[in-house]
Amino acid sequence: MDKLEIKGDWNELKGKMKQAHGDLTDDDLEREDGKDDEFLGKLQQKLGKTKDEVVAWIRSLG
């Protein structure tokens, strides 16, 4: 799997993610540059999905 690249407005993407999964919080969606693996791991635990599934879902929103 290639590295996750988030393009566009992060705040807009976070809003789409919270609309799709109402239990996601701002803390869940806190993302720091260079810490994509940690960010994806938090989402994996919260959503009960694999890393590839989470990446595909994020890409589908962008």
N, C-alpha and C. Protein backbone atom coordinates (compact mmCIF):
# COMPACT_ATOMS: atom_id res chain seq x y z
N MET A 1 0.84 -1.17 0.00
CA MET A 1 0.00 0.00 0.00
C MET A 1 0.89 1.23 0.00
N ASP A 2 0.52 2.19 -0.84
CA ASP A 2 1.31 3.41 -0.84
C ASP A 2 0.88 4.33 0.29
N LYS A 3 1.68 5.34 0.54
CA LYS A 3 1.45 6.24 1.67
C LYS A 3 0.17 7.06 1.45
N LEU A 4 -0.54 7.28 2.52
CA LEU A 4 -1.75 8.08 2.48
C LEU A 4 -1.39 9.53 2.19
N GLU A 5 -2.01 10.09 1.17
CA GLU A 5 -1.81 11.50 0.86
C GLU A 5 -3.16 12.17 0.96
N ILE A 6 -3.26 13.11 1.88
CA ILE A 6 -4.51 13.83 2.05
C ILE A 6 -4.37 15.15 1.33
N LYS A 7 -5.22 15.33 0.33
CA LYS A 7 -5.18 16.54 -0.47
C LYS A 7 -6.43 17.35 -0.18
N GLY A 8 -6.32 18.63 -0.41
CA GLY A 8 -7.48 19.49 -0.23
C GLY A 8 -7.60 20.00 1.20
N ASP A 9 -8.79 20.44 1.53
CA ASP A 9 -9.04 21.06 2.82
C ASP A 9 -9.28 20.00 3.89
N TRP A 10 -8.36 19.91 4.85
CA TRP A 10 -8.44 18.90 5.90
C TRP A 10 -9.71 19.07 6.72
N ASN A 11 -10.11 20.31 7.01
CA ASN A 11 -11.31 20.53 7.81
C ASN A 11 -12.56 20.02 7.09
N GLU A 12 -12.61 20.19 5.79
CA GLU A 12 -13.74 19.68 5.01
C GLU A 12 -13.77 18.15 5.06
N LEU A 13 -12.61 17.53 4.92
CA LEU A 13 -12.52 16.07 4.96
C LEU A 13 -12.92 15.55 6.34
N LYS A 14 -12.46 16.23 7.41
CA LYS A 14 -12.85 15.81 8.76
C LYS A 14 -14.36 15.87 8.93
N GLY A 15 -14.99 16.90 8.39
CA GLY A 15 -16.44 17.02 8.47
C GLY A 15 -17.13 15.85 7.78
N LYS A 16 -16.64 15.46 6.62
CA LYS A 16 -17.22 14.32 5.89
C LYS A 16 -17.05 13.03 6.69
N MET A 17 -15.89 12.89 7.33
CA MET A 17 -15.62 11.69 8.11
C MET A 17 -16.57 11.62 9.32
N LYS A 18 -16.79 12.75 9.98
CA LYS A 18 -17.69 12.77 11.14
C LYS A 18 -19.15 12.56 10.73
N GLN A 19 -19.53 13.03 9.54
CA GLN A 19 -20.88 12.78 9.05
C GLN A 19 -21.09 11.30 8.79
N ALA A 20 -20.09 10.64 8.23
CA ALA A 20 -20.20 9.22 7.90
C ALA A 20 -20.19 8.35 9.16
N HIS A 21 -19.42 8.75 10.16
CA HIS A 21 -19.30 7.99 11.41
C HIS A 21 -19.47 8.98 12.55
N GLY A 22 -20.69 9.13 13.02
CA GLY A 22 -21.03 10.11 14.04
C GLY A 22 -20.28 9.97 15.35
N ASP A 23 -19.69 8.81 15.60
CA ASP A 23 -18.98 8.62 16.85
C ASP A 23 -17.53 9.10 16.80
N LEU A 24 -17.06 9.57 15.64
CA LEU A 24 -15.71 10.12 15.54
C LEU A 24 -15.69 11.52 16.15
N THR A 25 -14.66 11.80 16.92
CA THR A 25 -14.52 13.10 17.57
C THR A 25 -13.33 13.85 16.96
N ASP A 26 -13.20 15.13 17.32
CA ASP A 26 -12.04 15.89 16.87
C ASP A 26 -10.75 15.26 17.37
N ASP A 27 -10.77 14.70 18.58
CA ASP A 27 -9.58 14.02 19.11
C ASP A 27 -9.22 12.81 18.25
N ASP A 28 -10.23 12.07 17.77
CA ASP A 28 -9.96 10.91 16.91
C ASP A 28 -9.33 11.34 15.60
N LEU A 29 -9.69 12.54 15.14
CA LEU A 29 -9.26 13.00 13.83
C LEU A 29 -8.09 13.97 13.89
N GLU A 30 -7.45 14.06 15.06
CA GLU A 30 -6.26 14.90 15.18
C GLU A 30 -5.13 14.24 14.42
N ARG A 31 -4.53 14.99 13.52
CA ARG A 31 -3.50 14.43 12.64
C ARG A 31 -2.30 15.36 12.61
N GLU A 32 -1.13 14.78 12.79
CA GLU A 32 0.10 15.54 12.71
C GLU A 32 0.91 15.05 11.52
N ASP A 33 1.57 15.99 10.84
CA ASP A 33 2.41 15.61 9.71
C ASP A 33 3.45 14.58 10.15
N GLY A 34 3.64 13.57 9.34
CA GLY A 34 4.62 12.54 9.62
C GLY A 34 4.14 11.45 10.57
N LYS A 35 2.91 11.55 11.05
CA LYS A 35 2.39 10.55 11.98
C LYS A 35 1.15 9.86 11.41
N ASP A 36 1.18 9.59 10.10
CA ASP A 36 0.03 8.97 9.46
C ASP A 36 -0.28 7.59 10.01
N ASP A 37 0.76 6.80 10.32
CA ASP A 37 0.53 5.46 10.85
C ASP A 37 -0.21 5.50 12.19
N GLU A 38 0.18 6.44 13.04
CA GLU A 38 -0.49 6.59 14.33
C GLU A 38 -1.95 7.02 14.13
N PHE A 39 -2.17 7.96 13.23
CA PHE A 39 -3.51 8.44 12.92
C PHE A 39 -4.38 7.30 12.38
N LEU A 40 -3.85 6.55 11.43
CA LEU A 40 -4.60 5.44 10.85
C LEU A 40 -4.88 4.36 11.89
N GLY A 41 -3.94 4.12 12.79
CA GLY A 41 -4.14 3.14 13.86
C GLY A 41 -5.30 3.51 14.76
N LYS A 42 -5.40 4.81 15.11
CA LYS A 42 -6.52 5.27 15.94
C LYS A 42 -7.84 5.04 15.21
N LEU A 43 -7.87 5.35 13.91
CA LEU A 43 -9.10 5.15 13.15
C LEU A 43 -9.43 3.67 13.01
N GLN A 44 -8.42 2.82 12.84
CA GLN A 44 -8.65 1.38 12.75
C GLN A 44 -9.34 0.88 14.01
N GLN A 45 -8.85 1.28 15.15
CA GLN A 45 -9.43 0.83 16.42
C GLN A 45 -10.86 1.35 16.57
N LYS A 46 -11.07 2.60 16.24
CA LYS A 46 -12.39 3.22 16.43
C LYS A 46 -13.42 2.63 15.48
N LEU A 47 -13.01 2.36 14.24
CA LEU A 47 -13.96 1.90 13.21
C LEU A 47 -14.00 0.38 13.06
N GLY A 48 -13.02 -0.31 13.63
CA GLY A 48 -12.98 -1.77 13.50
C GLY A 48 -12.70 -2.22 12.08
N LYS A 49 -11.84 -1.48 11.38
CA LYS A 49 -11.49 -1.80 10.00
C LYS A 49 -9.99 -1.99 9.87
N THR A 50 -9.57 -2.59 8.76
CA THR A 50 -8.15 -2.75 8.49
C THR A 50 -7.57 -1.42 8.01
N LYS A 51 -6.25 -1.34 8.02
CA LYS A 51 -5.59 -0.12 7.55
C LYS A 51 -5.96 0.17 6.10
N ASP A 52 -5.95 -0.86 5.25
CA ASP A 52 -6.30 -0.66 3.85
C ASP A 52 -7.74 -0.18 3.69
N GLU A 53 -8.64 -0.70 4.50
CA GLU A 53 -10.04 -0.26 4.44
C GLU A 53 -10.18 1.20 4.86
N VAL A 54 -9.45 1.59 5.89
CA VAL A 54 -9.50 2.98 6.36
C VAL A 54 -8.95 3.92 5.29
N VAL A 55 -7.81 3.56 4.70
CA VAL A 55 -7.20 4.39 3.65
C VAL A 55 -8.15 4.51 2.46
N ALA A 56 -8.74 3.40 2.03
CA ALA A 56 -9.67 3.43 0.90
C ALA A 56 -10.88 4.32 1.22
N TRP A 57 -11.37 4.24 2.44
CA TRP A 57 -12.52 5.06 2.84
C TRP A 57 -12.16 6.55 2.81
N ILE A 58 -11.00 6.89 3.35
CA ILE A 58 -10.57 8.31 3.34
C ILE A 58 -10.42 8.81 1.93
N ARG A 59 -9.81 8.01 1.07
CA ARG A 59 -9.64 8.40 -0.33
C ARG A 59 -10.99 8.58 -1.03
N SER A 60 -11.96 7.77 -0.68
CA SER A 60 -13.28 7.89 -1.32
C SER A 60 -13.99 9.18 -0.95
N LEU A 61 -13.63 9.75 0.21
CA LEU A 61 -14.24 11.00 0.65
C LEU A 61 -13.61 12.22 0.00
N GLY A 62 -12.34 12.08 -0.40
CA GLY A 62 -11.58 13.20 -0.94
C GLY A 62 -11.88 13.48 -2.33
